[in-house]
Amino acid sequence: MKENVDRRRFLQHITAIAGAAIPVLFTVPGCATGLTTYRIIGSSEKIELPVLEYPELQEIGGAIEIESPSWPENIVVVRLSTSIFVALSSTCTHLGCTVRKEPAFFRCPCHGSTYTLDGTVVRGPAERPLQSYATTFSGTNLTIQLEK
């Protein structure tokens, strides 16, 4: 004999069958930056990058993502000119999604905020620029100061 199942009961059954998989679906973070990510060991105050070791940073407009166990968020490093680099948080200032690098700008995949490569807001809903970190470039080494 067939049992009539209403929507609520159907969803309860599916949830029971899926078990622990359902919470995972809701805790997946936003899209990745689309950049090569390097795990760098640094202090909680600064990260030293020998720029020649990162092929992506040899071109103007090139960028990498840095993950460091000593810092709570990933940092995107962008080469703006032969001697100017920026270090930015990869977290959108609107609701905290991870921004994605396009060829000439960053875009938040969640709500469409757009930022220039130096982190300035071009289009909202974000109202604040991406968090930036002071950088010093001397010859072939880039130093990123992690103090906010």
C-alpha atoms as a PDB file:
ATOM      1  CA  MET A   1       0.000   0.000   0.000  1.00  0.00           C
ATOM      2  CA  LYS A   2       1.374   3.420  -0.973  1.00  0.00           C
ATOM      3  CA  GLU A   3       1.762   6.121   1.634  1.00  0.00           C
ATOM      4  CA  ASN A   4       0.912   9.697   0.777  1.00  0.00           C
ATOM      5  CA  VAL A   5       3.907  11.884   1.722  1.00  0.00           C
ATOM      6  CA  ASP A   6       3.520  15.620   2.068  1.00  0.00           C
ATOM      7  CA  ARG A   7       6.342  18.062   1.367  1.00  0.00           C
ATOM      8  CA  ARG A   8       7.407  18.446   5.005  1.00  0.00           C
ATOM      9  CA  ARG A   9       7.662  14.714   5.534  1.00  0.00           C
ATOM     10  CA  PHE A  10       9.527  14.276   2.262  1.00  0.00           C
ATOM     11  CA  LEU A  11      12.125  16.866   3.329  1.00  0.00           C
ATOM     12  CA  GLN A  12      12.470  15.206   6.733  1.00  0.00           C
ATOM     13  CA  HIS A  13      13.168  11.885   5.007  1.00  0.00           C
ATOM     14  CA  ILE A  14      15.717  13.413   2.639  1.00  0.00           C
ATOM     15  CA  THR A  15      17.455  15.174   5.541  1.00  0.00           C
ATOM     16  CA  ALA A  16      17.606  11.940   7.505  1.00  0.00           C
ATOM     17  CA  ILE A  17      19.040  10.077   4.521  1.00  0.00           C
ATOM     18  CA  ALA A  18      21.611  12.765   3.779  1.00  0.00           C
ATOM     19  CA  GLY A  19      22.688  12.870   7.417  1.00  0.00           C
ATOM     20  CA  ALA A  20      25.775  14.980   7.960  1.00  0.00           C
ATOM     21  CA  ALA A  21      26.043  15.987   4.299  1.00  0.00           C
ATOM     22  CA  ILE A  22      23.354  18.681   4.593  1.00  0.00           C
ATOM     23  CA  PRO A  23      25.258  20.946   7.035  1.00  0.00           C
ATOM     24  CA  VAL A  24      28.307  20.795   4.763  1.00  0.00           C
ATOM     25  CA  LEU A  25      26.291  22.273   1.913  1.00  0.00           C
ATOM     26  CA  PHE A  26      25.609  25.378   3.985  1.00  0.00           C
ATOM     27  CA  THR A  27      29.138  25.919   5.310  1.00  0.00           C
ATOM     28  CA  VAL A  28      31.051  25.902   2.031  1.00  0.00           C
ATOM     29  CA  PRO A  29      32.908  29.244   1.734  1.00  0.00           C
ATOM     30  CA  GLY A  30      32.563  31.588  -1.248  1.00  0.00           C
ATOM     31  CA  CYS A  31      34.385  31.016  -4.523  1.00  0.00           C
ATOM     32  CA  ALA A  32      38.165  30.993  -4.454  1.00  0.00           C
ATOM     33  CA  THR A  33      40.115  33.944  -5.818  1.00  0.00           C
ATOM     34  CA  GLY A  34      41.018  32.089  -9.009  1.00  0.00           C
ATOM     35  CA  LEU A  35      44.701  32.698  -8.290  1.00  0.00           C
ATOM     36  CA  THR A  36      47.566  30.373  -7.511  1.00  0.00           C
ATOM     37  CA  THR A  37      47.677  30.081  -3.737  1.00  0.00           C
ATOM     38  CA  TYR A  38      50.980  29.802  -1.920  1.00  0.00           C
ATOM     39  CA  ARG A  39      51.313  28.764   1.698  1.00  0.00           C
ATOM     40  CA  ILE A  40      53.915  31.089   3.219  1.00  0.00           C
ATOM     41  CA  ILE A  41      55.396  30.863   6.671  1.00  0.00           C
ATOM     42  CA  GLY A  42      55.695  34.351   8.096  1.00  0.00           C
ATOM     43  CA  SER A  43      55.446  36.047  11.429  1.00  0.00           C
ATOM     44  CA  SER A  44      52.260  37.622  12.725  1.00  0.00           C
ATOM     45  CA  GLU A  45      53.797  40.996  11.819  1.00  0.00           C
ATOM     46  CA  LYS A  46      55.187  40.559   8.298  1.00  0.00           C
ATOM     47  CA  ILE A  47      55.652  38.285   5.314  1.00  0.00           C
ATOM     48  CA  GLU A  48      58.785  38.369   3.147  1.00  0.00           C
ATOM     49  CA  LEU A  49      58.408  37.417  -0.524  1.00  0.00           C
ATOM     50  CA  PRO A  50      61.361  36.945  -2.882  1.00  0.00           C
ATOM     51  CA  VAL A  51      59.406  38.132  -5.962  1.00  0.00           C
ATOM     52  CA  LEU A  52      61.565  36.236  -8.464  1.00  0.00           C
ATOM     53  CA  GLU A  53      60.294  32.944  -7.001  1.00  0.00           C
ATOM     54  CA  TYR A  54      56.704  33.709  -8.076  1.00  0.00           C
ATOM     55  CA  PRO A  55      56.275  33.637 -11.869  1.00  0.00           C
ATOM     56  CA  GLU A  56      52.826  35.216 -11.625  1.00  0.00           C
ATOM     57  CA  LEU A  57      54.376  38.372 -10.155  1.00  0.00           C
ATOM     58  CA  GLN A  58      56.798  38.891 -13.059  1.00  0.00           C
ATOM     59  CA  GLU A  59      54.105  40.612 -15.163  1.00  0.00           C
ATOM     60  CA  ILE A  60      52.338  43.892 -14.379  1.00  0.00           C
ATOM     61  CA  GLY A  61      48.805  42.943 -13.335  1.00  0.00           C
ATOM     62  CA  GLY A  62      50.003  39.527 -12.172  1.00  0.00           C
ATOM     63  CA  ALA A  63      48.779  38.310  -8.805  1.00  0.00           C
ATOM     64  CA  ILE A  64      49.022  35.498  -6.284  1.00  0.00           C
ATOM     65  CA  GLU A  65      47.123  34.526  -3.171  1.00  0.00           C
ATOM     66  CA  ILE A  66      49.011  33.943   0.068  1.00  0.00           C
ATOM     67  CA  GLU A  67      47.832  31.693   2.851  1.00  0.00           C
ATOM     68  CA  SER A  68      49.777  31.981   6.088  1.00  0.00           C
ATOM     69  CA  PRO A  69      49.180  30.070   9.317  1.00  0.00           C
ATOM     70  CA  SER A  70      50.223  33.202  11.212  1.00  0.00           C
ATOM     71  CA  TRP A  71      47.418  35.326   9.688  1.00  0.00           C
ATOM     72  CA  PRO A  72      43.658  34.662   9.867  1.00  0.00           C
ATOM     73  CA  GLU A  73      42.781  35.596   6.265  1.00  0.00           C
ATOM     74  CA  ASN A  74      44.287  35.072   2.848  1.00  0.00           C
ATOM     75  CA  ILE A  75      46.100  37.964   1.189  1.00  0.00           C
ATOM     76  CA  VAL A  76      46.201  38.766  -2.513  1.00  0.00           C
ATOM     77  CA  VAL A  77      49.403  40.322  -3.844  1.00  0.00           C
ATOM     78  CA  VAL A  78      49.137  42.258  -7.129  1.00  0.00           C
ATOM     79  CA  ARG A  79      51.942  43.816  -9.148  1.00  0.00           C
ATOM     80  CA  LEU A  80      50.684  47.230 -10.302  1.00  0.00           C
ATOM     81  CA  SER A  81      53.923  48.434 -11.949  1.00  0.00           C
ATOM     82  CA  THR A  82      57.587  47.496 -12.108  1.00  0.00           C
ATOM     83  CA  SER A  83      58.104  48.702  -8.533  1.00  0.00           C
ATOM     84  CA  ILE A  84      54.636  48.932  -6.969  1.00  0.00           C
ATOM     85  CA  PHE A  85      52.849  46.013  -5.345  1.00  0.00           C
ATOM     86  CA  VAL A  86      49.667  45.951  -3.270  1.00  0.00           C
ATOM     87  CA  ALA A  87      48.652  43.412  -0.668  1.00  0.00           C
ATOM     88  CA  LEU A  88      44.904  43.100  -0.113  1.00  0.00           C
ATOM     89  CA  SER A  89      42.530  40.993   1.896  1.00  0.00           C
ATOM     90  CA  SER A  90      40.636  38.565  -0.328  1.00  0.00           C
ATOM     91  CA  THR A  91      37.486  39.213   1.733  1.00  0.00           C
ATOM     92  CA  CYS A  92      34.770  41.434   0.259  1.00  0.00           C
ATOM     93  CA  THR A  93      33.870  44.292   2.584  1.00  0.00           C
ATOM     94  CA  HIS A  94      30.139  43.869   1.923  1.00  0.00           C
ATOM     95  CA  LEU A  95      29.344  40.488   3.492  1.00  0.00           C
ATOM     96  CA  GLY A  96      32.666  38.660   3.653  1.00  0.00           C
ATOM     97  CA  CYS A  97      32.651  36.523   0.503  1.00  0.00           C
ATOM     98  CA  THR A  98      35.960  35.778  -1.216  1.00  0.00           C
ATOM     99  CA  VAL A  99      36.590  38.088  -4.163  1.00  0.00           C
ATOM    100  CA  ARG A 100      37.683  36.650  -7.487  1.00  0.00           C
ATOM    101  CA  LYS A 101      40.377  38.201  -9.675  1.00  0.00           C
ATOM    102  CA  GLU A 102      39.397  39.061 -13.222  1.00  0.00           C
ATOM    103  CA  PRO A 103      42.071  40.283 -15.664  1.00  0.00           C
ATOM    104  CA  ALA A 104      41.790  43.961 -14.638  1.00  0.00           C
ATOM    105  CA  PHE A 105      39.711  44.004 -11.429  1.00  0.00           C
ATOM    106  CA  PHE A 106      38.291  41.992  -8.528  1.00  0.00           C
ATOM    107  CA  ARG A 107      34.649  40.938  -8.391  1.00  0.00           C
ATOM    108  CA  CYS A 108      32.657  39.502  -5.515  1.00  0.00           C
ATOM    109  CA  PRO A 109      30.712  36.467  -6.761  1.00  0.00           C
ATOM    110  CA  CYS A 110      28.047  36.832  -4.064  1.00  0.00           C
ATOM    111  CA  HIS A 111      26.565  40.263  -4.782  1.00  0.00           C
ATOM    112  CA  GLY A 112      28.640  41.729  -7.619  1.00  0.00           C
ATOM    113  CA  SER A 113      30.779  44.314  -5.841  1.00  0.00           C
ATOM    114  CA  THR A 114      33.705  45.298  -8.043  1.00  0.00           C
ATOM    115  CA  TYR A 115      37.125  46.596  -6.984  1.00  0.00           C
ATOM    116  CA  THR A 116      40.121  47.942  -8.902  1.00  0.00           C
ATOM    117  CA  LEU A 117      43.390  46.013  -8.623  1.00  0.00           C
ATOM    118  CA  ASP A 118      44.432  48.367  -5.812  1.00  0.00           C
ATOM    119  CA  GLY A 119      41.269  47.480  -3.850  1.00  0.00           C
ATOM    120  CA  THR A 120      39.183  50.630  -4.500  1.00  0.00           C
ATOM    121  CA  VAL A 121      35.416  50.063  -4.796  1.00  0.00           C
ATOM    122  CA  VAL A 122      34.130  50.654  -8.325  1.00  0.00           C
ATOM    123  CA  ARG A 123      30.636  49.235  -7.902  1.00  0.00           C
ATOM    124  CA  GLY A 124      28.660  48.250  -4.801  1.00  0.00           C
ATOM    125  CA  PRO A 125      26.928  47.089  -2.778  1.00  0.00           C
ATOM    126  CA  ALA A 126      30.320  47.233  -0.986  1.00  0.00           C
ATOM    127  CA  GLU A 127      31.053  50.741   0.268  1.00  0.00           C
ATOM    128  CA  ARG A 128      34.569  50.268   1.671  1.00  0.00           C
ATOM    129  CA  PRO A 129      37.746  49.288  -0.212  1.00  0.00           C
ATOM    130  CA  LEU A 130      39.387  45.914   0.328  1.00  0.00           C
ATOM    131  CA  GLN A 131      41.585  45.870   3.441  1.00  0.00           C
ATOM    132  CA  SER A 132      45.122  46.721   2.347  1.00  0.00           C
ATOM    133  CA  TYR A 133      48.472  46.056   3.966  1.00  0.00           C
ATOM    134  CA  ALA A 134      51.589  48.205   3.668  1.00  0.00           C
ATOM    135  CA  THR A 135      54.189  46.859   1.247  1.00  0.00           C
ATOM    136  CA  THR A 136      57.848  47.670   0.721  1.00  0.00           C
ATOM    137  CA  PHE A 137      59.657  46.535  -2.415  1.00  0.00           C
ATOM    138  CA  SER A 138      63.452  46.624  -2.505  1.00  0.00           C
ATOM    139  CA  GLY A 139      65.050  45.153  -5.591  1.00  0.00           C
ATOM    140  CA  THR A 140      63.716  41.620  -5.558  1.00  0.00           C
ATOM    141  CA  ASN A 141      62.103  41.315  -2.121  1.00  0.00           C
ATOM    142  CA  LEU A 142      58.607  42.360  -1.137  1.00  0.00           C
ATOM    143  CA  THR A 143      57.741  42.864   2.519  1.00  0.00           C
ATOM    144  CA  ILE A 144      54.091  42.874   3.595  1.00  0.00           C
ATOM    145  CA  GLN A 145      53.329  44.424   6.987  1.00  0.00           C
ATOM    146  CA  LEU A 146      50.444  42.506   8.542  1.00  0.00           C
ATOM    147  CA  GLU A 147      49.483  44.973  11.237  1.00  0.00           C
ATOM    148  CA  LYS A 148      46.008  46.356  10.629  1.00  0.00           C
END
